[in-house]
């Protein structure tokens, strides 16, 4: 069983109920908010291991909540939930430290898996993980991106690539970081490198499509993809 405190922010009652049941099954303590104002009050009152934040909150926008969190120094890791996967929203969310996305409809098992990965990323290093190992470097890079510490995150990805330059996962994550910093040429090169190493690498293919659609059609419905093990 997992443990931790989750803040679920969504204006749809059915979605909140579904997510709450899924997460409580894994042992999480779940708190809820239905609006941006209620969410900000909740962040000021409690400390959470993870926020699960819908991009659309009635007439408001989840990005406003995320920006408000960062302005007030609230560094709670955030999983963005959206049925409106535009690249503009994705990039803005990434710049605010949200690199984890799920598109509706969401299977409970998928939600539980992603939540467990993000919460684990921000806890002390697991006892069986070797400090400075490839896996440790990628885990730390993702944690630093969540905290908007992009330069140290880049250093960790570079360390990972020194250990294994043939890892499509590491090249894909470097592409994500390039996107966050608005370096789309660098992102293309990194995603392309990942695809060259593994022509079936789903995350890199999806991310490359997103950039192609952005520059050819002005928008994309492809969500950000950190990789199978993210």
Protein backbone atom coordinates (compact mmCIF):
# COMPACT_ATOMS: atom_id res chain seq x y z
CA UNK A 1 0.00 0.00 0.00
CA UNK A 2 1.13 3.53 -0.77
CA UNK A 3 1.00 6.46 1.58
CA UNK A 4 0.90 10.18 1.04
CA UNK A 5 -1.41 13.15 0.85
CA UNK A 6 -2.95 13.98 -2.54
CA UNK A 7 -4.75 17.23 -3.42
CA UNK A 8 -7.34 16.58 -6.14
CA UNK A 9 -8.49 19.76 -7.95
CA UNK A 10 -11.32 19.26 -10.43
CA UNK A 11 -14.74 20.87 -10.87
CA UNK A 12 -16.41 17.64 -12.07
CA UNK A 13 -17.89 15.68 -9.19
CA UNK A 14 -17.87 12.34 -11.04
CA UNK A 15 -14.20 12.70 -11.91
CA UNK A 16 -13.30 13.57 -8.34
CA UNK A 17 -15.18 10.53 -7.04
CA UNK A 18 -13.53 8.20 -9.56
CA UNK A 19 -10.05 9.52 -8.82
CA UNK A 20 -10.62 9.51 -5.06
CA UNK A 21 -11.68 5.86 -5.08
CA UNK A 22 -8.73 4.89 -7.25
CA UNK A 23 -6.20 6.66 -5.02
CA UNK A 24 -7.70 5.69 -1.67
CA UNK A 25 -7.51 2.07 -2.83
CA UNK A 26 -3.72 2.52 -2.80
CA UNK A 27 -3.76 4.04 0.67
CA UNK A 28 -3.46 7.75 -0.18
CA UNK A 29 -5.18 10.43 1.88
CA UNK A 30 -7.17 12.50 -0.65
CA UNK A 31 -8.28 16.11 -0.23
CA UNK A 32 -10.42 17.92 -2.81
CA UNK A 33 -11.01 21.37 -4.28
CA UNK A 34 -13.43 22.42 -7.02
CA UNK A 35 -12.11 25.86 -8.00
CA UNK A 36 -8.93 27.90 -8.29
CA UNK A 37 -9.72 29.93 -5.18
CA UNK A 38 -10.49 26.82 -3.14
CA UNK A 39 -7.29 25.20 -4.38
CA UNK A 40 -5.12 28.12 -3.28
CA UNK A 41 -6.74 28.11 0.17
CA UNK A 42 -6.03 24.39 0.40
CA UNK A 43 -2.35 24.85 -0.49
CA UNK A 44 -1.98 27.51 2.18
CA UNK A 45 -3.61 25.25 4.79
CA UNK A 46 -1.87 21.92 4.08
CA UNK A 47 1.26 20.41 2.60
CA UNK A 48 0.68 17.77 -0.08
CA UNK A 49 2.82 15.12 -1.71
CA UNK A 50 1.11 15.69 -5.06
CA UNK A 51 -1.53 17.87 -6.68
CA UNK A 52 -3.73 16.31 -9.37
CA UNK A 53 -4.91 19.37 -11.26
CA UNK A 54 -7.43 19.59 -14.11
CA UNK A 55 -6.50 22.05 -16.85
CA UNK A 56 -10.11 23.27 -17.00
CA UNK A 57 -11.80 24.42 -13.79
CA UNK A 58 -15.20 25.71 -14.87
CA UNK A 59 -14.54 29.23 -16.14
CA UNK A 60 -11.03 29.22 -14.70
CA UNK A 61 -7.80 27.58 -15.83
CA UNK A 62 -5.58 25.11 -14.03
CA UNK A 63 -2.54 26.95 -15.35
CA UNK A 64 -3.57 29.97 -13.26
CA UNK A 65 -3.55 27.72 -10.19
CA UNK A 66 -0.12 26.39 -11.11
CA UNK A 67 1.24 29.90 -11.68
CA UNK A 68 -0.24 31.05 -8.36
CA UNK A 69 1.41 28.12 -6.60
CA UNK A 70 4.83 28.99 -8.00
CA UNK A 71 4.41 32.71 -7.24
CA UNK A 72 3.75 31.82 -3.60
CA UNK A 73 6.66 29.39 -3.41
CA UNK A 74 4.45 26.29 -3.33
CA UNK A 75 6.55 23.57 -4.98
CA UNK A 76 4.06 20.70 -4.73
CA UNK A 77 4.64 18.29 -7.64
CA UNK A 78 1.69 18.54 -10.04
CA UNK A 79 0.05 16.05 -12.38
CA UNK A 80 -1.98 17.88 -15.06
CA UNK A 81 -5.22 16.27 -16.22
CA UNK A 82 -6.61 17.46 -19.52
CA UNK A 83 -8.92 16.71 -22.38
CA UNK A 84 -7.56 19.79 -24.13
CA UNK A 85 -4.01 18.81 -25.04
CA UNK A 86 -2.73 21.92 -26.81
CA UNK A 87 1.01 22.43 -27.10
CA UNK A 88 0.72 26.00 -25.82
CA UNK A 89 -0.77 24.80 -22.54
CA UNK A 90 1.70 21.93 -22.31
CA UNK A 91 4.76 24.13 -22.73
CA UNK A 92 3.48 26.72 -20.23
CA UNK A 93 2.76 23.98 -17.69
CA UNK A 94 6.24 22.53 -18.22
CA UNK A 95 7.84 25.92 -17.63
CA UNK A 96 5.97 26.03 -14.32
CA UNK A 97 7.39 22.63 -13.36
CA UNK A 98 4.51 20.32 -14.36
CA UNK A 99 5.99 17.69 -16.67
CA UNK A 100 3.46 14.95 -16.00
CA UNK A 101 0.23 14.85 -18.01
CA UNK A 102 -2.70 12.47 -18.37
CA UNK A 103 -5.46 12.82 -20.92
CA UNK A 104 -9.08 11.98 -20.15
CA UNK A 105 -10.52 9.39 -20.08
CA UNK A 106 -8.13 7.88 -17.54
CA UNK A 107 -8.10 4.30 -16.34
CA UNK A 108 -7.80 4.01 -12.52
CA UNK A 109 -4.79 1.69 -12.86
CA UNK A 110 -3.00 4.25 -15.04
CA UNK A 111 -3.72 7.03 -12.57
CA UNK A 112 -2.40 4.95 -9.67
CA UNK A 113 0.77 4.04 -11.57
CA UNK A 114 1.62 7.63 -12.55
CA UNK A 115 0.80 9.00 -9.09
CA UNK A 116 3.04 6.40 -7.45
CA UNK A 117 5.92 7.27 -9.81
CA UNK A 118 5.67 11.02 -9.16
CA UNK A 119 5.31 10.70 -5.39
CA UNK A 120 8.24 8.27 -5.32
CA UNK A 121 10.37 10.67 -7.36
CA UNK A 122 10.18 13.27 -4.59
CA UNK A 123 10.91 10.93 -1.70
CA UNK A 124 14.40 9.99 -0.47
CA UNK A 125 16.34 7.75 -2.83
CA UNK A 126 15.18 4.10 -2.58
CA UNK A 127 17.58 1.88 -0.65
CA UNK A 128 18.19 -0.32 -3.70
CA UNK A 129 19.05 2.61 -6.02
CA UNK A 130 22.78 3.31 -6.41
CA UNK A 131 23.69 7.01 -6.00
CA UNK A 132 24.97 8.41 -9.29
CA UNK A 133 23.61 5.48 -11.29
CA UNK A 134 21.83 5.97 -14.60
CA UNK A 135 18.42 5.44 -12.99
CA UNK A 136 19.26 7.81 -10.13
CA UNK A 137 20.36 10.55 -12.55
CA UNK A 138 17.10 10.38 -14.55
CA UNK A 139 15.00 10.30 -11.40
CA UNK A 140 16.82 13.33 -10.01
CA UNK A 141 16.55 15.18 -13.34
CA UNK A 142 12.76 14.80 -13.30
CA UNK A 143 12.58 15.94 -9.69
CA UNK A 144 14.64 19.04 -10.49
CA UNK A 145 12.45 19.86 -13.50
CA UNK A 146 9.40 19.71 -11.21
CA UNK A 147 11.17 22.26 -8.98
CA UNK A 148 11.99 24.46 -12.04
CA UNK A 149 15.71 23.96 -11.46
CA UNK A 150 16.41 23.47 -15.14
CA UNK A 151 20.20 23.93 -15.24
CA UNK A 152 20.87 21.29 -12.54
CA UNK A 153 18.35 19.02 -14.31
CA UNK A 154 20.32 19.40 -17.55
CA UNK A 155 23.50 18.42 -15.69
CA UNK A 156 21.82 15.26 -14.38
CA UNK A 157 20.66 14.28 -17.86
CA UNK A 158 24.19 14.85 -19.14
CA UNK A 159 25.49 12.58 -16.36
CA UNK A 160 22.98 9.91 -17.37
CA UNK A 161 24.10 10.13 -21.01
CA UNK A 162 27.74 9.79 -20.00
CA UNK A 163 26.76 6.48 -18.41
CA UNK A 164 24.57 5.34 -21.31
CA UNK A 165 24.58 7.45 -24.46
CA UNK A 166 22.52 4.77 -26.21
CA UNK A 167 19.47 5.30 -23.97
CA UNK A 168 16.46 6.58 -25.91
CA UNK A 169 14.77 7.42 -22.59
CA UNK A 170 17.56 9.85 -21.63
CA UNK A 171 17.58 11.51 -25.06
CA UNK A 172 13.81 11.84 -24.92
CA UNK A 173 13.99 13.49 -21.49
CA UNK A 174 16.66 15.88 -22.77
CA UNK A 175 14.24 16.78 -25.57
CA UNK A 176 11.55 17.54 -23.00
CA UNK A 177 13.94 19.86 -21.17
CA UNK A 178 14.83 21.61 -24.43
CA UNK A 179 11.10 22.18 -25.06
CA UNK A 180 10.66 23.68 -21.62
CA UNK A 181 13.42 26.16 -22.45
CA UNK A 182 11.84 26.96 -25.87
CA UNK A 183 14.71 25.33 -27.78
CA UNK A 184 12.64 23.41 -30.30
CA UNK A 185 15.62 22.67 -32.58
CA UNK A 186 17.37 21.01 -29.65
CA UNK A 187 14.17 19.12 -28.82
CA UNK A 188 13.90 17.84 -32.39
CA UNK A 189 17.50 16.64 -32.34
CA UNK A 190 17.04 14.82 -29.04
CA UNK A 191 13.74 13.21 -30.00
CA UNK A 192 15.29 12.27 -33.34
CA UNK A 193 18.26 10.68 -31.59
CA UNK A 194 15.91 8.66 -29.37
CA UNK A 195 13.97 7.44 -32.42
CA UNK A 196 17.21 6.54 -34.23
CA UNK A 197 18.23 4.43 -31.24
CA UNK A 198 14.77 2.83 -31.00
CA UNK A 199 12.46 3.29 -33.97
CA UNK A 200 9.51 2.12 -31.82
CA UNK A 201 10.13 4.54 -28.95
CA UNK A 202 6.57 5.73 -28.41
CA UNK A 203 7.39 8.75 -26.25
CA UNK A 204 9.90 10.27 -28.65
CA UNK A 205 7.64 9.62 -31.64
CA UNK A 206 4.73 11.32 -29.88
CA UNK A 207 6.84 14.28 -28.84
CA UNK A 208 8.24 14.67 -32.35
CA UNK A 209 4.69 14.66 -33.79
CA UNK A 210 3.72 17.37 -31.33
CA UNK A 211 6.51 19.67 -32.50
CA UNK A 212 5.75 18.92 -36.17
CA UNK A 213 2.08 19.78 -35.67
CA UNK A 214 2.91 22.94 -33.76
CA UNK A 215 5.07 24.36 -36.52
CA UNK A 216 2.87 23.16 -39.39
CA UNK A 217 -0.63 23.64 -37.97
CA UNK A 218 -0.11 26.04 -35.07
CA UNK A 219 -1.35 23.60 -32.40
CA UNK A 220 -1.21 19.96 -31.38
CA UNK A 221 -3.40 17.55 -29.46
CA UNK A 222 -0.43 15.32 -28.61
CA UNK A 223 0.30 15.36 -24.85
CA UNK A 224 3.81 15.48 -23.49
CA UNK A 225 5.32 12.02 -23.01
CA UNK A 226 8.25 11.49 -20.62
CA UNK A 227 8.54 7.81 -21.50
CA UNK A 228 7.23 4.45 -20.45
CA UNK A 229 9.06 4.45 -17.14
CA UNK A 230 8.22 8.05 -16.18
